[in-house]
Amino acid sequence: MSQIDGAETGFRVHVVDADPVTRILLTEILGDRGFDVLCVSSVAAYAALDHEAMTLGALIIDGDTGGGITGFEVARHARRLNPAVPVIFLSNAHRDSVEKFGVPGAAHVTKPFDPDLLIMILRALAADRR
């Protein structure tokens, strides 16, 4: 498979997760595949989205982002700012919870996750933008 060069495509991915290890892992995995990645905690998610929601390629978020803020709330905030932003819930929450509390049309990838599945979803989203 060919790699997507995030710098060329401008495909920016925000990752919001309470676990710093998950954020580091996703930064490395996605960055190595050429995506432009910004990993933030739930506290920083709102400010990051306020500045970049209209240029965002995708939002990858855990349903439980910590800090008293749910990923579902952050995803709804992202969709208020940019109704077209793709959302991928990367969570150990049951699919029914993601569908009930998440945002319409969101993808769900279960933790522990297969990095290849996540890359495949992002590549499809990037291809749709072209």
C-alpha atoms as a PDB file:
ATOM      1  CA  MET A   1       0.000   0.000   0.000  1.00  0.00           C
ATOM      2  CA  SER A   2       1.131   3.513  -0.662  1.00  0.00           C
ATOM      3  CA  GLN A   3       1.547   5.959   2.157  1.00  0.00           C
ATOM      4  CA  ILE A   4      -0.356   9.175   2.465  1.00  0.00           C
ATOM      5  CA  ASP A   5       1.898  12.151   2.988  1.00  0.00           C
ATOM      6  CA  GLY A   6       0.021  14.331   5.480  1.00  0.00           C
ATOM      7  CA  ALA A   7       2.157  17.336   4.528  1.00  0.00           C
ATOM      8  CA  GLU A   8       1.062  17.045   0.888  1.00  0.00           C
ATOM      9  CA  THR A   9      -2.565  16.223   1.498  1.00  0.00           C
ATOM     10  CA  GLY A  10      -3.014  18.512   4.498  1.00  0.00           C
ATOM     11  CA  PHE A  11      -4.787  15.629   6.260  1.00  0.00           C
ATOM     12  CA  ARG A  12      -4.683  16.629   9.909  1.00  0.00           C
ATOM     13  CA  VAL A  13      -5.750  14.172  12.584  1.00  0.00           C
ATOM     14  CA  HIS A  14      -6.529  15.186  16.154  1.00  0.00           C
ATOM     15  CA  VAL A  15      -6.227  12.452  18.758  1.00  0.00           C
ATOM     16  CA  VAL A  16      -7.879  12.985  22.132  1.00  0.00           C
ATOM     17  CA  ASP A  17      -7.162  10.383  24.776  1.00  0.00           C
ATOM     18  CA  ALA A  18      -6.617  10.503  28.524  1.00  0.00           C
ATOM     19  CA  ASP A  19      -3.802   7.963  28.349  1.00  0.00           C
ATOM     20  CA  PRO A  20      -0.461   9.608  27.488  1.00  0.00           C
ATOM     21  CA  VAL A  21       0.940   6.265  26.287  1.00  0.00           C
ATOM     22  CA  THR A  22      -1.905   5.921  23.769  1.00  0.00           C
ATOM     23  CA  ARG A  23      -1.315   9.489  22.593  1.00  0.00           C
ATOM     24  CA  ILE A  24       2.413   8.819  22.077  1.00  0.00           C
ATOM     25  CA  LEU A  25       1.710   5.526  20.316  1.00  0.00           C
ATOM     26  CA  LEU A  26      -0.806   7.111  17.940  1.00  0.00           C
ATOM     27  CA  THR A  27       1.487  10.053  17.242  1.00  0.00           C
ATOM     28  CA  GLU A  28       4.208   7.616  16.179  1.00  0.00           C
ATOM     29  CA  ILE A  29       1.966   5.247  14.199  1.00  0.00           C
ATOM     30  CA  LEU A  30       0.100   7.955  12.320  1.00  0.00           C
ATOM     31  CA  GLY A  31       3.124  10.217  11.914  1.00  0.00           C
ATOM     32  CA  ASP A  32       5.131   7.342  10.428  1.00  0.00           C
ATOM     33  CA  ARG A  33       2.359   6.909   7.846  1.00  0.00           C
ATOM     34  CA  GLY A  34       2.570  10.570   6.857  1.00  0.00           C
ATOM     35  CA  PHE A  35      -0.421  11.998   8.702  1.00  0.00           C
ATOM     36  CA  ASP A  36      -0.204  15.393  10.377  1.00  0.00           C
ATOM     37  CA  VAL A  37      -1.048  14.457  13.983  1.00  0.00           C
ATOM     38  CA  LEU A  38      -1.929  16.539  17.003  1.00  0.00           C
ATOM     39  CA  CYS A  39      -2.482  14.548  20.200  1.00  0.00           C
ATOM     40  CA  VAL A  40      -4.075  16.365  23.095  1.00  0.00           C
ATOM     41  CA  SER A  41      -5.652  15.648  26.438  1.00  0.00           C
ATOM     42  CA  SER A  42      -9.341  16.263  26.961  1.00  0.00           C
ATOM     43  CA  VAL A  43      -8.580  19.575  28.681  1.00  0.00           C
ATOM     44  CA  ALA A  44      -6.750  20.874  25.593  1.00  0.00           C
ATOM     45  CA  ALA A  45      -9.199  19.365  23.100  1.00  0.00           C
ATOM     46  CA  TYR A  46     -11.694  22.226  23.104  1.00  0.00           C
ATOM     47  CA  ALA A  47      -9.088  24.906  22.461  1.00  0.00           C
ATOM     48  CA  ALA A  48      -7.432  22.834  19.719  1.00  0.00           C
ATOM     49  CA  LEU A  49     -10.766  22.237  18.013  1.00  0.00           C
ATOM     50  CA  ASP A  50     -11.774  25.885  18.313  1.00  0.00           C
ATOM     51  CA  HIS A  51      -8.680  26.809  16.295  1.00  0.00           C
ATOM     52  CA  GLU A  52      -8.615  23.990  13.745  1.00  0.00           C
ATOM     53  CA  ALA A  53     -12.046  22.388  13.343  1.00  0.00           C
ATOM     54  CA  MET A  54     -12.548  23.633   9.789  1.00  0.00           C
ATOM     55  CA  THR A  55      -9.236  22.207   8.569  1.00  0.00           C
ATOM     56  CA  LEU A  56      -9.424  18.954  10.479  1.00  0.00           C
ATOM     57  CA  GLY A  57      -9.241  15.711   8.483  1.00  0.00           C
ATOM     58  CA  ALA A  58     -10.467  13.483  11.316  1.00  0.00           C
ATOM     59  CA  LEU A  59     -10.954  13.330  15.055  1.00  0.00           C
ATOM     60  CA  ILE A  60      -9.891  10.155  16.859  1.00  0.00           C
ATOM     61  CA  ILE A  61     -11.228  10.158  20.378  1.00  0.00           C
ATOM     62  CA  ASP A  62     -11.788   7.881  23.328  1.00  0.00           C
ATOM     63  CA  GLY A  63     -15.287   7.888  24.829  1.00  0.00           C
ATOM     64  CA  ASP A  64     -13.692   8.343  28.250  1.00  0.00           C
ATOM     65  CA  THR A  65     -11.170  11.140  27.843  1.00  0.00           C
ATOM     66  CA  GLY A  66     -10.734  11.800  31.569  1.00  0.00           C
ATOM     67  CA  GLY A  67     -10.806  15.083  33.423  1.00  0.00           C
ATOM     68  CA  GLY A  68     -14.596  14.968  33.856  1.00  0.00           C
ATOM     69  CA  ILE A  69     -15.097  15.435  30.105  1.00  0.00           C
ATOM     70  CA  THR A  70     -16.394  12.666  27.876  1.00  0.00           C
ATOM     71  CA  GLY A  71     -15.208  12.042  24.347  1.00  0.00           C
ATOM     72  CA  PHE A  72     -18.839  12.166  23.317  1.00  0.00           C
ATOM     73  CA  GLU A  73     -19.059  15.798  24.500  1.00  0.00           C
ATOM     74  CA  VAL A  74     -15.852  16.707  22.675  1.00  0.00           C
ATOM     75  CA  ALA A  75     -17.092  15.021  19.481  1.00  0.00           C
ATOM     76  CA  ARG A  76     -20.377  16.941  19.639  1.00  0.00           C
ATOM     77  CA  HIS A  77     -18.382  20.161  20.098  1.00  0.00           C
ATOM     78  CA  ALA A  78     -16.276  19.297  17.036  1.00  0.00           C
ATOM     79  CA  ARG A  79     -19.421  18.649  14.994  1.00  0.00           C
ATOM     80  CA  ARG A  80     -20.981  21.962  16.079  1.00  0.00           C
ATOM     81  CA  LEU A  81     -17.874  23.704  14.742  1.00  0.00           C
ATOM     82  CA  ASN A  82     -17.593  21.541  11.619  1.00  0.00           C
ATOM     83  CA  PRO A  83     -20.575  19.268  10.881  1.00  0.00           C
ATOM     84  CA  ALA A  84     -18.561  17.372   8.253  1.00  0.00           C
ATOM     85  CA  VAL A  85     -15.613  16.352  10.455  1.00  0.00           C
ATOM     86  CA  PRO A  86     -15.211  12.557  10.539  1.00  0.00           C
ATOM     87  CA  VAL A  87     -15.106  11.114  14.047  1.00  0.00           C
ATOM     88  CA  ILE A  88     -13.532   7.808  15.014  1.00  0.00           C
ATOM     89  CA  PHE A  89     -14.177   6.593  18.543  1.00  0.00           C
ATOM     90  CA  LEU A  90     -11.181   4.586  19.700  1.00  0.00           C
ATOM     91  CA  SER A  91     -12.638   3.058  22.814  1.00  0.00           C
ATOM     92  CA  ASN A  92     -13.292  -0.023  24.847  1.00  0.00           C
ATOM     93  CA  ALA A  93     -16.876   1.183  25.218  1.00  0.00           C
ATOM     94  CA  HIS A  94     -19.512  -1.048  23.672  1.00  0.00           C
ATOM     95  CA  ARG A  95     -20.643  -0.111  20.158  1.00  0.00           C
ATOM     96  CA  ASP A  96     -24.177   0.558  21.466  1.00  0.00           C
ATOM     97  CA  SER A  97     -22.823   3.230  23.821  1.00  0.00           C
ATOM     98  CA  VAL A  98     -20.885   4.864  21.001  1.00  0.00           C
ATOM     99  CA  GLU A  99     -23.973   4.912  18.790  1.00  0.00           C
ATOM    100  CA  LYS A 100     -26.236   6.162  21.598  1.00  0.00           C
ATOM    101  CA  PHE A 101     -23.989   8.881  23.025  1.00  0.00           C
ATOM    102  CA  GLY A 102     -21.648   9.620  20.125  1.00  0.00           C
ATOM    103  CA  VAL A 103     -22.252  11.560  16.941  1.00  0.00           C
ATOM    104  CA  PRO A 104     -24.030  10.348  13.798  1.00  0.00           C
ATOM    105  CA  GLY A 105     -21.876   8.490  11.300  1.00  0.00           C
ATOM    106  CA  ALA A 106     -18.940   8.016  13.661  1.00  0.00           C
ATOM    107  CA  ALA A 107     -16.708   4.993  13.226  1.00  0.00           C
ATOM    108  CA  HIS A 108     -15.857   2.779  16.184  1.00  0.00           C
ATOM    109  CA  VAL A 109     -12.546   0.983  16.683  1.00  0.00           C
ATOM    110  CA  THR A 110     -12.288  -1.148  19.807  1.00  0.00           C
ATOM    111  CA  LYS A 111      -9.317  -0.967  22.175  1.00  0.00           C
ATOM    112  CA  PRO A 112      -6.947  -2.673  22.113  1.00  0.00           C
ATOM    113  CA  PHE A 113      -6.884  -1.557  18.497  1.00  0.00           C
ATOM    114  CA  ASP A 114      -5.368  -2.834  15.286  1.00  0.00           C
ATOM    115  CA  PRO A 115      -3.218   0.022  13.905  1.00  0.00           C
ATOM    116  CA  ASP A 116      -3.743  -1.261  10.350  1.00  0.00           C
ATOM    117  CA  LEU A 117      -7.520  -0.911  10.714  1.00  0.00           C
ATOM    118  CA  LEU A 118      -7.149   2.659  11.924  1.00  0.00           C
ATOM    119  CA  ILE A 119      -4.775   3.483   9.048  1.00  0.00           C
ATOM    120  CA  MET A 120      -7.199   1.922   6.556  1.00  0.00           C
ATOM    121  CA  ILE A 121     -10.062   4.096   7.849  1.00  0.00           C
ATOM    122  CA  LEU A 122      -7.914   7.255   7.725  1.00  0.00           C
ATOM    123  CA  ARG A 123      -6.678   6.485   4.213  1.00  0.00           C
ATOM    124  CA  ALA A 124     -10.258   6.073   3.037  1.00  0.00           C
ATOM    125  CA  LEU A 125     -11.191   9.402   4.624  1.00  0.00           C
ATOM    126  CA  ALA A 126      -8.183  11.115   3.046  1.00  0.00           C
ATOM    127  CA  ALA A 127      -9.031   9.643  -0.356  1.00  0.00           C
ATOM    128  CA  ASP A 128     -12.610  10.943  -0.034  1.00  0.00           C
ATOM    129  CA  ARG A 129     -11.256  14.476   0.524  1.00  0.00           C
ATOM    130  CA  ARG A 130      -9.329  14.507  -2.745  1.00  0.00           C
END
